[in-house]
PDB file of all heavy atoms in Angstrom:
ATOM      1  N   LEU A   1      11.932 -11.573   1.442  1.00  0.00           N
ATOM      2  CA  LEU A   1      12.015 -12.796   0.627  1.00  0.00           C
ATOM      3  C   LEU A   1      10.731 -13.620   0.762  1.00  0.00           C
ATOM      4  O   LEU A   1      10.230 -14.195  -0.216  1.00  0.00           O
ATOM      5  CB  LEU A   1      13.221 -13.622   1.049  1.00  0.00           C
ATOM      6  CG  LEU A   1      14.595 -13.119   0.524  1.00  0.00           C
ATOM      7  CD1 LEU A   1      15.728 -13.895   1.198  1.00  0.00           C
ATOM      8  CD2 LEU A   1      14.674 -13.286  -0.980  1.00  0.00           C
ATOM      9  N   ARG A   2      10.215 -13.711   1.978  1.00  0.00           N
ATOM     10  CA  ARG A   2       8.978 -14.441   2.188  1.00  0.00           C
ATOM     11  C   ARG A   2       7.842 -13.772   1.380  1.00  0.00           C
ATOM     12  O   ARG A   2       7.020 -14.437   0.765  1.00  0.00           O
ATOM     13  CB  ARG A   2       8.595 -14.468   3.679  1.00  0.00           C
ATOM     14  CG  ARG A   2       9.459 -15.394   4.496  1.00  0.00           C
ATOM     15  CD  ARG A   2       8.814 -15.647   5.859  1.00  0.00           C
ATOM     16  NE  ARG A   2       9.790 -16.131   6.812  1.00  0.00           N
ATOM     17  CZ  ARG A   2      10.351 -15.372   7.785  1.00  0.00           C
ATOM     18  NH1 ARG A   2      10.011 -14.120   7.895  1.00  0.00           N
ATOM     19  NH2 ARG A   2      11.235 -15.890   8.603  1.00  0.00           N
ATOM     20  N   GLN A   3       7.821 -12.439   1.432  1.00  0.00           N
ATOM     21  CA  GLN A   3       6.774 -11.720   0.736  1.00  0.00           C
ATOM     22  C   GLN A   3       6.890 -11.940  -0.786  1.00  0.00           C
ATOM     23  O   GLN A   3       5.875 -12.112  -1.473  1.00  0.00           O
ATOM     24  CB  GLN A   3       6.861 -10.215   1.021  1.00  0.00           C
ATOM     25  CG  GLN A   3       6.456  -9.881   2.458  1.00  0.00           C
ATOM     26  CD  GLN A   3       6.652  -8.391   2.754  1.00  0.00           C
ATOM     27  OE1 GLN A   3       7.473  -7.752   2.129  1.00  0.00           O
ATOM     28  NE2 GLN A   3       5.912  -7.871   3.702  1.00  0.00           N
ATOM     29  N   SER A   4       8.122 -11.950  -1.301  1.00  0.00           N
ATOM     30  CA  SER A   4       8.300 -12.102  -2.741  1.00  0.00           C
ATOM     31  C   SER A   4       7.871 -13.472  -3.247  1.00  0.00           C
ATOM     32  O   SER A   4       7.568 -13.641  -4.427  1.00  0.00           O
ATOM     33  CB  SER A   4       9.747 -11.855  -3.133  1.00  0.00           C
ATOM     34  OG  SER A   4      10.575 -12.874  -2.597  1.00  0.00           O
ATOM     35  N   ARG A   5       7.820 -14.467  -2.343  1.00  0.00           N
ATOM     36  CA  ARG A   5       7.402 -15.799  -2.729  1.00  0.00           C
ATOM     37  C   ARG A   5       5.891 -15.948  -2.727  1.00  0.00           C
ATOM     38  O   ARG A   5       5.376 -16.918  -3.256  1.00  0.00           O
ATOM     39  CB  ARG A   5       8.023 -16.837  -1.797  1.00  0.00           C
ATOM     40  CG  ARG A   5       9.539 -16.956  -1.954  1.00  0.00           C
ATOM     41  CD  ARG A   5      10.057 -18.202  -1.234  1.00  0.00           C
ATOM     42  NE  ARG A   5      11.504 -18.241  -1.275  1.00  0.00           N
ATOM     43  CZ  ARG A   5      12.277 -18.010  -0.237  1.00  0.00           C
ATOM     44  NH1 ARG A   5      11.756 -17.707   0.945  1.00  0.00           N
ATOM     45  NH2 ARG A   5      13.600 -18.083  -0.356  1.00  0.00           N
ATOM     46  N   ARG A   6       5.238 -15.019  -2.055  1.00  0.00           N
ATOM     47  CA  ARG A   6       3.788 -15.099  -2.029  1.00  0.00           C
ATOM     48  C   ARG A   6       3.227 -14.703  -3.374  1.00  0.00           C
ATOM     49  O   ARG A   6       3.874 -14.060  -4.193  1.00  0.00           O
ATOM     50  CB  ARG A   6       3.222 -14.169  -0.955  1.00  0.00           C
ATOM     51  CG  ARG A   6       3.603 -14.567   0.460  1.00  0.00           C
ATOM     52  CD  ARG A   6       3.108 -13.512   1.446  1.00  0.00           C
ATOM     53  NE  ARG A   6       3.664 -13.735   2.758  1.00  0.00           N
ATOM     54  CZ  ARG A   6       3.612 -12.848   3.718  1.00  0.00           C
ATOM     55  NH1 ARG A   6       3.075 -11.689   3.517  1.00  0.00           N
ATOM     56  NH2 ARG A   6       4.158 -13.122   4.916  1.00  0.00           N
ATOM     57  N   GLN A   7       1.958 -15.058  -3.599  1.00  0.00           N
ATOM     58  CA  GLN A   7       1.353 -14.703  -4.861  1.00  0.00           C
ATOM     59  C   GLN A   7       1.212 -13.203  -5.001  1.00  0.00           C
ATOM     60  O   GLN A   7       1.306 -12.638  -6.055  1.00  0.00           O
ATOM     61  CB  GLN A   7      -0.017 -15.367  -4.990  1.00  0.00           C
ATOM     62  CG  GLN A   7      -0.665 -15.213  -6.321  1.00  0.00           C
ATOM     63  CD  GLN A   7      -1.902 -16.049  -6.456  1.00  0.00           C
ATOM     64  OE1 GLN A   7      -2.395 -16.570  -5.473  1.00  0.00           O
ATOM     65  NE2 GLN A   7      -2.411 -16.149  -7.678  1.00  0.00           N
ATOM     66  N   ARG A   8       1.025 -12.566  -3.882  1.00  0.00           N
ATOM     67  CA  ARG A   8       0.888 -11.116  -3.906  1.00  0.00           C
ATOM     68  C   ARG A   8       1.294 -10.539  -2.575  1.00  0.00           C
ATOM     69  O   ARG A   8       0.909 -11.004  -1.520  1.00  0.00           O
ATOM     70  CB  ARG A   8      -0.582 -10.716  -4.170  1.00  0.00           C
ATOM     71  CG  ARG A   8      -0.800  -9.189  -4.121  1.00  0.00           C
ATOM     72  CD  ARG A   8      -2.268  -8.874  -4.351  1.00  0.00           C
ATOM     73  NE  ARG A   8      -2.509  -7.465  -4.299  1.00  0.00           N
ATOM     74  CZ  ARG A   8      -2.746  -6.806  -3.143  1.00  0.00           C
ATOM     75  NH1 ARG A   8      -2.795  -7.433  -1.998  1.00  0.00           N
ATOM     76  NH2 ARG A   8      -2.975  -5.495  -3.164  1.00  0.00           N
ATOM     77  N   VAL A   9       2.134  -9.531  -2.600  1.00  0.00           N
ATOM     78  CA  VAL A   9       2.535  -8.821  -1.383  1.00  0.00           C
ATOM     79  C   VAL A   9       1.401  -7.857  -1.017  1.00  0.00           C
ATOM     80  O   VAL A   9       0.884  -7.132  -1.847  1.00  0.00           O
ATOM     81  CB  VAL A   9       3.843  -8.044  -1.612  1.00  0.00           C
ATOM     82  CG1 VAL A   9       4.174  -7.250  -0.364  1.00  0.00           C
ATOM     83  CG2 VAL A   9       4.941  -8.980  -1.970  1.00  0.00           C
ATOM     84  N   ARG A  10       1.039  -7.854   0.248  1.00  0.00           N
ATOM     85  CA  ARG A  10      -0.041  -6.950   0.704  1.00  0.00           C
ATOM     86  C   ARG A  10       0.547  -5.564   0.949  1.00  0.00           C
ATOM     87  O   ARG A  10       1.139  -5.313   1.990  1.00  0.00           O
ATOM     88  CB  ARG A  10      -0.688  -7.481   1.961  1.00  0.00           C
ATOM     89  CG  ARG A  10      -1.571  -8.686   1.711  1.00  0.00           C
ATOM     90  CD  ARG A  10      -2.137  -9.179   3.034  1.00  0.00           C
ATOM     91  NE  ARG A  10      -2.972 -10.354   2.822  1.00  0.00           N
ATOM     92  CZ  ARG A  10      -4.278 -10.327   2.629  1.00  0.00           C
ATOM     93  NH1 ARG A  10      -4.900  -9.187   2.582  1.00  0.00           N
ATOM     94  NH2 ARG A  10      -4.966 -11.434   2.468  1.00  0.00           N
ATOM     95  N   ALA A  11       0.398  -4.688  -0.030  1.00  0.00           N
ATOM     96  CA  ALA A  11       0.842  -3.313   0.133  1.00  0.00           C
ATOM     97  C   ALA A  11      -0.211  -2.593   0.940  1.00  0.00           C
ATOM     98  O   ALA A  11      -1.389  -2.815   0.777  1.00  0.00           O
ATOM     99  CB  ALA A  11       1.011  -2.654  -1.227  1.00  0.00           C
ATOM    100  N   GLU A  12       0.246  -1.702   1.800  1.00  0.00           N
ATOM    101  CA  GLU A  12      -0.697  -1.072   2.717  1.00  0.00           C
ATOM    102  C   GLU A  12      -0.616   0.460   2.617  1.00  0.00           C
ATOM    103  O   GLU A  12       0.172   1.073   3.297  1.00  0.00           O
ATOM    104  CB  GLU A  12      -0.412  -1.511   4.163  1.00  0.00           C
ATOM    105  CG  GLU A  12      -0.626  -3.008   4.350  1.00  0.00           C
ATOM    106  CD  GLU A  12      -0.492  -3.417   5.800  1.00  0.00           C
ATOM    107  OE1 GLU A  12      -0.248  -2.558   6.652  1.00  0.00           O
ATOM    108  OE2 GLU A  12      -0.645  -4.622   6.089  1.00  0.00           O
ATOM    109  N   PRO A  13      -1.362   1.072   1.761  1.00  0.00           N
ATOM    110  CA  PRO A  13      -1.414   2.528   1.699  1.00  0.00           C
ATOM    111  C   PRO A  13      -1.987   3.089   2.976  1.00  0.00           C
ATOM    112  O   PRO A  13      -2.924   2.538   3.543  1.00  0.00           O
ATOM    113  CB  PRO A  13      -2.323   2.814   0.483  1.00  0.00           C
ATOM    114  CG  PRO A  13      -3.170   1.580   0.355  1.00  0.00           C
ATOM    115  CD  PRO A  13      -2.326   0.438   0.800  1.00  0.00           C
ATOM    116  N   LYS A  14      -1.403   4.186   3.424  1.00  0.00           N
ATOM    117  CA  LYS A  14      -1.905   4.849   4.635  1.00  0.00           C
ATOM    118  C   LYS A  14      -2.416   6.259   4.377  1.00  0.00           C
ATOM    119  O   LYS A  14      -3.224   6.771   5.141  1.00  0.00           O
ATOM    120  CB  LYS A  14      -0.756   4.934   5.680  1.00  0.00           C
ATOM    121  CG  LYS A  14      -0.324   3.617   6.249  1.00  0.00           C
ATOM    122  CD  LYS A  14       0.630   3.787   7.396  1.00  0.00           C
ATOM    123  CE  LYS A  14      -0.026   4.446   8.584  1.00  0.00           C
ATOM    124  NZ  LYS A  14       0.870   4.539   9.770  1.00  0.00           N
ATOM    125  N   VAL A  15      -1.939   6.897   3.300  1.00  0.00           N
ATOM    126  CA  VAL A  15      -2.306   8.272   3.011  1.00  0.00           C
ATOM    127  C   VAL A  15      -3.207   8.298   1.803  1.00  0.00           C
ATOM    128  O   VAL A  15      -2.817   7.841   0.724  1.00  0.00           O
ATOM    129  CB  VAL A  15      -1.060   9.177   2.783  1.00  0.00           C
ATOM    130  CG1 VAL A  15      -1.511  10.603   2.511  1.00  0.00           C
ATOM    131  CG2 VAL A  15      -0.148   9.106   4.000  1.00  0.00           C
ATOM    132  N   PHE A  16      -4.441   8.769   1.980  1.00  0.00           N
ATOM    133  CA  PHE A  16      -5.433   8.813   0.918  1.00  0.00           C
ATOM    134  C   PHE A  16      -5.776  10.266   0.627  1.00  0.00           C
ATOM    135  O   PHE A  16      -6.069  11.036   1.539  1.00  0.00           O
ATOM    136  CB  PHE A  16      -6.719   8.075   1.335  1.00  0.00           C
ATOM    137  CG  PHE A  16      -6.551   6.590   1.461  1.00  0.00           C
ATOM    138  CD1 PHE A  16      -5.946   6.009   2.558  1.00  0.00           C
ATOM    139  CD2 PHE A  16      -7.018   5.751   0.441  1.00  0.00           C
ATOM    140  CE1 PHE A  16      -5.764   4.635   2.678  1.00  0.00           C
ATOM    141  CE2 PHE A  16      -6.844   4.381   0.538  1.00  0.00           C
ATOM    142  CZ  PHE A  16      -6.226   3.825   1.633  1.00  0.00           C
ATOM    143  N   ALA A  17      -5.740  10.600  -0.661  1.00  0.00           N
ATOM    144  CA  ALA A  17      -6.169  11.934  -1.100  1.00  0.00           C
ATOM    145  C   ALA A  17      -7.625  11.830  -1.557  1.00  0.00           C
ATOM    146  O   ALA A  17      -7.918  11.110  -2.502  1.00  0.00           O
ATOM    147  CB  ALA A  17      -5.282  12.448  -2.201  1.00  0.00           C
ATOM    148  N   LEU A  18      -8.542  12.494  -0.842  1.00  0.00           N
ATOM    149  CA  LEU A  18      -9.927  12.596  -1.262  1.00  0.00           C
ATOM    150  C   LEU A  18     -10.065  13.943  -1.993  1.00  0.00           C
ATOM    151  O   LEU A  18      -9.914  14.980  -1.372  1.00  0.00           O
ATOM    152  CB  LEU A  18     -10.882  12.547  -0.074  1.00  0.00           C
ATOM    153  CG  LEU A  18     -11.460  11.175   0.293  1.00  0.00           C
ATOM    154  CD1 LEU A  18     -10.348  10.224   0.690  1.00  0.00           C
ATOM    155  CD2 LEU A  18     -12.477  11.311   1.405  1.00  0.00           C
ATOM    156  N   THR A  19     -10.272  13.867  -3.284  1.00  0.00           N
ATOM    157  CA  THR A  19     -10.394  15.116  -4.056  1.00  0.00           C
ATOM    158  C   THR A  19     -11.743  15.157  -4.756  1.00  0.00           C
ATOM    159  O   THR A  19     -12.192  14.166  -5.314  1.00  0.00           O
ATOM    160  CB  THR A  19      -9.239  15.222  -5.061  1.00  0.00           C
ATOM    161  OG1 THR A  19      -9.344  16.455  -5.779  1.00  0.00           O
ATOM    162  CG2 THR A  19      -9.244  14.070  -6.071  1.00  0.00           C
ATOM    163  N   ALA A  20     -12.399  16.293  -4.656  1.00  0.00           N
ATOM    164  CA  ALA A  20     -13.736  16.465  -5.168  1.00  0.00           C
ATOM    165  C   ALA A  20     -13.686  17.031  -6.580  1.00  0.00           C
ATOM    166  O   ALA A  20     -12.975  17.986  -6.842  1.00  0.00           O
ATOM    167  CB  ALA A  20     -14.568  17.357  -4.255  1.00  0.00           C
ATOM    168  N   ALA A  21     -14.485  16.416  -7.457  1.00  0.00           N
ATOM    169  CA  ALA A  21     -14.576  16.936  -8.811  1.00  0.00           C
ATOM    170  C   ALA A  21     -15.529  18.108  -8.926  1.00  0.00           C
ATOM    171  O   ALA A  21     -15.581  18.762  -9.982  1.00  0.00           O
ATOM    172  CB  ALA A  21     -15.051  15.810  -9.761  1.00  0.00           C
ATOM    173  N   SER A  22     -16.249  18.401  -7.861  1.00  0.00           N
ATOM    174  CA  SER A  22     -17.196  19.519  -7.849  1.00  0.00           C
ATOM    175  C   SER A  22     -17.105  20.230  -6.507  1.00  0.00           C
ATOM    176  O   SER A  22     -17.018  19.610  -5.467  1.00  0.00           O
ATOM    177  CB  SER A  22     -18.627  18.997  -8.073  1.00  0.00           C
ATOM    178  OG  SER A  22     -19.578  20.012  -7.768  1.00  0.00           O
ATOM    179  N   PRO A  23     -17.127  21.591  -6.508  1.00  0.00           N
ATOM    180  CA  PRO A  23     -17.091  22.329  -5.252  1.00  0.00           C
ATOM    181  C   PRO A  23     -18.341  22.162  -4.416  1.00  0.00           C
ATOM    182  O   PRO A  23     -18.372  22.529  -3.241  1.00  0.00           O
ATOM    183  CB  PRO A  23     -16.908  23.798  -5.725  1.00  0.00           C
ATOM    184  CG  PRO A  23     -17.460  23.827  -7.097  1.00  0.00           C
ATOM    185  CD  PRO A  23     -17.157  22.488  -7.689  1.00  0.00           C
ATOM    186  N   THR A  24     -19.414  21.563  -5.001  1.00  0.00           N
ATOM    187  CA  THR A  24     -20.633  21.351  -4.218  1.00  0.00           C
ATOM    188  C   THR A  24     -20.543  20.127  -3.315  1.00  0.00           C
ATOM    189  O   THR A  24     -21.453  19.895  -2.496  1.00  0.00           O
ATOM    190  CB  THR A  24     -21.844  21.183  -5.179  1.00  0.00           C
ATOM    191  OG1 THR A  24     -21.632  20.010  -6.001  1.00  0.00           O
ATOM    192  CG2 THR A  24     -21.993  22.378  -6.092  1.00  0.00           C
ATOM    193  N   ILE A  25     -19.503  19.339  -3.451  1.00  0.00           N
ATOM    194  CA  ILE A  25     -19.339  18.149  -2.602  1.00  0.00           C
ATOM    195  C   ILE A  25     -18.683  18.541  -1.318  1.00  0.00           C
ATOM    196  O   ILE A  25     -17.607  19.163  -1.293  1.00  0.00           O
ATOM    197  CB  ILE A  25     -18.517  17.064  -3.327  1.00  0.00           C
ATOM    198  CG1 ILE A  25     -19.227  16.593  -4.597  1.00  0.00           C
ATOM    199  CG2 ILE A  25     -18.201  15.899  -2.394  1.00  0.00           C
ATOM    200  CD1 ILE A  25     -18.401  15.675  -5.488  1.00  0.00           C
ATOM    201  N   ASP A  26     -19.321  18.251  -0.203  1.00  0.00           N
ATOM    202  CA  ASP A  26     -18.787  18.571   1.147  1.00  0.00           C
ATOM    203  C   ASP A  26     -17.766  17.513   1.501  1.00  0.00           C
ATOM    204  O   ASP A  26     -18.091  16.495   2.158  1.00  0.00           O
ATOM    205  CB  ASP A  26     -19.926  18.623   2.154  1.00  0.00           C
ATOM    206  CG  ASP A  26     -19.474  19.161   3.516  1.00  0.00           C
ATOM    207  OD1 ASP A  26     -18.257  19.180   3.769  1.00  0.00           O
ATOM    208  OD2 ASP A  26     -20.371  19.551   4.301  1.00  0.00           O
ATOM    209  N   LEU A  27     -16.519  17.757   1.146  1.00  0.00           N
ATOM    210  CA  LEU A  27     -15.460  16.752   1.378  1.00  0.00           C
ATOM    211  C   LEU A  27     -15.167  16.544   2.844  1.00  0.00           C
ATOM    212  O   LEU A  27     -14.911  15.417   3.260  1.00  0.00           O
ATOM    213  CB  LEU A  27     -14.185  17.190   0.650  1.00  0.00           C
ATOM    214  CG  LEU A  27     -13.959  16.668  -0.748  1.00  0.00           C
ATOM    215  CD1 LEU A  27     -12.562  17.070  -1.246  1.00  0.00           C
ATOM    216  CD2 LEU A  27     -14.063  15.148  -0.799  1.00  0.00           C
TER     217      LEU A  27
END
């Protein structure tokens, strides 16, 4: 309820997908 009253809730992503558009990129 406190979060919903704020202007914006701070969502916290933890899992990031790093995907390369080219096989030449050393991911």
